[in-house]
Amino acid sequence: MVAVHSLRRGAAEAIEAVAHGDPKTSKVVGRALQDIKLPAGTTIGAIVRGDEVIIVHHDTVIESGDHVILFLVDKRRVVDVERLFQVGVTFL
């Protein structure tokens, strides 16, 4: 996680998470958004890849190093999003 910002007077969250790893060690890297099981009430709004901001679609594939902008309607799901972006122990 790079940053978490409260929205709607603390009722929701905006998160910037950096994707690390590879398709073997990450639950998000190398996968299209439609194939990622996001926590309930979570939406990916954009990806920042280098100097480019990408408005995502269902077939957008997340790459290692991408900064992923997520919106959560339930701030209790922040921990679930953190787990989603963790890399496996085999990542070097």
C-alpha atoms as a PDB file:
ATOM      1  CA  MET A   1       0.000   0.000   0.000  1.00  0.00           C
ATOM      2  CA  VAL A   2       1.243   3.431  -0.908  1.00  0.00           C
ATOM      3  CA  ALA A   3      -1.630   5.549   0.366  1.00  0.00           C
ATOM      4  CA  VAL A   4      -5.080   5.258   1.897  1.00  0.00           C
ATOM      5  CA  HIS A   5      -7.484   8.210   1.919  1.00  0.00           C
ATOM      6  CA  SER A   6     -10.840   8.393   3.653  1.00  0.00           C
ATOM      7  CA  LEU A   7     -13.853   9.433   1.599  1.00  0.00           C
ATOM      8  CA  ARG A   8     -17.434  10.244   2.563  1.00  0.00           C
ATOM      9  CA  ARG A   9     -16.405  11.335   6.063  1.00  0.00           C
ATOM     10  CA  GLY A  10     -14.593   8.066   6.683  1.00  0.00           C
ATOM     11  CA  ALA A  11     -17.279   5.754   5.338  1.00  0.00           C
ATOM     12  CA  ALA A  12     -15.281   4.784   2.236  1.00  0.00           C
ATOM     13  CA  GLU A  13     -11.631   4.594   1.195  1.00  0.00           C
ATOM     14  CA  ALA A  14      -9.479   5.361  -1.825  1.00  0.00           C
ATOM     15  CA  ILE A  15      -6.335   3.230  -1.952  1.00  0.00           C
ATOM     16  CA  GLU A  16      -3.193   3.318  -4.053  1.00  0.00           C
ATOM     17  CA  ALA A  17      -1.529  -0.096  -4.089  1.00  0.00           C
ATOM     18  CA  VAL A  18       1.567  -1.136  -6.017  1.00  0.00           C
ATOM     19  CA  ALA A  19       1.462  -4.520  -7.763  1.00  0.00           C
ATOM     20  CA  HIS A  20       4.611  -6.607  -7.231  1.00  0.00           C
ATOM     21  CA  GLY A  21       5.683 -10.064  -8.270  1.00  0.00           C
ATOM     22  CA  ASP A  22       4.796 -12.192 -11.240  1.00  0.00           C
ATOM     23  CA  PRO A  23       1.809 -14.372 -12.183  1.00  0.00           C
ATOM     24  CA  LYS A  24       3.151 -17.201  -9.970  1.00  0.00           C
ATOM     25  CA  THR A  25       3.670 -15.094  -6.821  1.00  0.00           C
ATOM     26  CA  SER A  26       0.913 -12.494  -7.115  1.00  0.00           C
ATOM     27  CA  LYS A  27      -2.870 -12.672  -7.129  1.00  0.00           C
ATOM     28  CA  VAL A  28      -3.081  -9.629  -9.429  1.00  0.00           C
ATOM     29  CA  VAL A  29       0.028  -9.399 -11.663  1.00  0.00           C
ATOM     30  CA  GLY A  30      -0.520 -10.822 -15.136  1.00  0.00           C
ATOM     31  CA  ARG A  31      -4.284 -11.057 -14.642  1.00  0.00           C
ATOM     32  CA  ALA A  32      -7.115  -9.217 -16.334  1.00  0.00           C
ATOM     33  CA  LEU A  33      -9.430  -7.338 -13.982  1.00  0.00           C
ATOM     34  CA  GLN A  34     -12.303  -9.688 -14.822  1.00  0.00           C
ATOM     35  CA  ASP A  35     -10.199 -12.566 -13.415  1.00  0.00           C
ATOM     36  CA  ILE A  36      -9.346 -10.903 -10.084  1.00  0.00           C
ATOM     37  CA  LYS A  37     -11.604 -11.656  -7.145  1.00  0.00           C
ATOM     38  CA  LEU A  38     -11.959  -8.236  -5.540  1.00  0.00           C
ATOM     39  CA  PRO A  39     -13.410  -7.865  -2.047  1.00  0.00           C
ATOM     40  CA  ALA A  40     -17.117  -6.932  -2.010  1.00  0.00           C
ATOM     41  CA  GLY A  41     -17.674  -3.234  -2.647  1.00  0.00           C
ATOM     42  CA  THR A  42     -14.238  -2.720  -4.215  1.00  0.00           C
ATOM     43  CA  THR A  43     -13.683  -1.118  -7.612  1.00  0.00           C
ATOM     44  CA  ILE A  44     -10.464  -0.479  -9.517  1.00  0.00           C
ATOM     45  CA  GLY A  45     -10.723   2.973 -11.068  1.00  0.00           C
ATOM     46  CA  ALA A  46      -7.364   3.451 -12.774  1.00  0.00           C
ATOM     47  CA  ILE A  47      -3.826   2.198 -13.109  1.00  0.00           C
ATOM     48  CA  VAL A  48      -0.756   4.427 -13.187  1.00  0.00           C
ATOM     49  CA  ARG A  49       1.945   2.764 -15.282  1.00  0.00           C
ATOM     50  CA  GLY A  50       5.054   4.926 -15.533  1.00  0.00           C
ATOM     51  CA  ASP A  51       3.856   8.345 -16.707  1.00  0.00           C
ATOM     52  CA  GLU A  52       0.597   6.964 -18.139  1.00  0.00           C
ATOM     53  CA  VAL A  53      -2.788   6.887 -16.420  1.00  0.00           C
ATOM     54  CA  ILE A  54      -4.925   4.017 -17.690  1.00  0.00           C
ATOM     55  CA  ILE A  55      -8.680   4.024 -17.247  1.00  0.00           C
ATOM     56  CA  VAL A  56      -9.360   0.354 -16.702  1.00  0.00           C
ATOM     57  CA  HIS A  57     -11.724  -2.010 -18.459  1.00  0.00           C
ATOM     58  CA  HIS A  58     -12.611  -5.626 -17.695  1.00  0.00           C
ATOM     59  CA  ASP A  59      -9.780  -6.878 -19.939  1.00  0.00           C
ATOM     60  CA  THR A  60      -7.041  -4.586 -18.575  1.00  0.00           C
ATOM     61  CA  VAL A  61      -4.078  -6.660 -17.341  1.00  0.00           C
ATOM     62  CA  ILE A  62      -2.141  -5.544 -14.265  1.00  0.00           C
ATOM     63  CA  GLU A  63       1.651  -5.516 -14.624  1.00  0.00           C
ATOM     64  CA  SER A  64       4.328  -5.598 -11.940  1.00  0.00           C
ATOM     65  CA  GLY A  65       5.086  -2.051 -10.806  1.00  0.00           C
ATOM     66  CA  ASP A  66       1.618  -0.730 -11.652  1.00  0.00           C
ATOM     67  CA  HIS A  67       0.088   1.677  -9.149  1.00  0.00           C
ATOM     68  CA  VAL A  68      -3.517   0.531  -8.843  1.00  0.00           C
ATOM     69  CA  ILE A  69      -6.155   3.012  -7.657  1.00  0.00           C
ATOM     70  CA  LEU A  70      -9.011   1.294  -5.816  1.00  0.00           C
ATOM     71  CA  PHE A  71     -12.196   2.564  -4.214  1.00  0.00           C
ATOM     72  CA  LEU A  72     -13.831   0.742  -1.313  1.00  0.00           C
ATOM     73  CA  VAL A  73     -17.325   1.504  -0.065  1.00  0.00           C
ATOM     74  CA  ASP A  74     -16.551  -0.369   3.172  1.00  0.00           C
ATOM     75  CA  LYS A  75     -13.314   0.653   4.878  1.00  0.00           C
ATOM     76  CA  ARG A  76     -13.301  -2.643   6.783  1.00  0.00           C
ATOM     77  CA  ARG A  77     -12.209  -4.276   3.493  1.00  0.00           C
ATOM     78  CA  VAL A  78      -8.836  -2.469   3.450  1.00  0.00           C
ATOM     79  CA  VAL A  79      -7.164  -5.517   5.048  1.00  0.00           C
ATOM     80  CA  ASP A  80      -8.638  -7.754   2.316  1.00  0.00           C
ATOM     81  CA  VAL A  81      -7.177  -5.475  -0.368  1.00  0.00           C
ATOM     82  CA  GLU A  82      -3.792  -5.522   1.385  1.00  0.00           C
ATOM     83  CA  ARG A  83      -3.845  -9.333   1.318  1.00  0.00           C
ATOM     84  CA  LEU A  84      -4.777  -9.319  -2.364  1.00  0.00           C
ATOM     85  CA  PHE A  85      -1.664  -7.280  -3.225  1.00  0.00           C
ATOM     86  CA  GLN A  86       0.795  -9.303  -1.097  1.00  0.00           C
ATOM     87  CA  VAL A  87       3.313 -11.423  -2.976  1.00  0.00           C
ATOM     88  CA  GLY A  88       3.922 -15.063  -2.190  1.00  0.00           C
ATOM     89  CA  VAL A  89       6.936 -16.206  -0.195  1.00  0.00           C
ATOM     90  CA  THR A  90       8.643 -17.542  -3.346  1.00  0.00           C
ATOM     91  CA  PHE A  91       8.997 -14.010  -4.810  1.00  0.00           C
ATOM     92  CA  LEU A  92      12.621 -12.813  -4.779  1.00  0.00           C
END
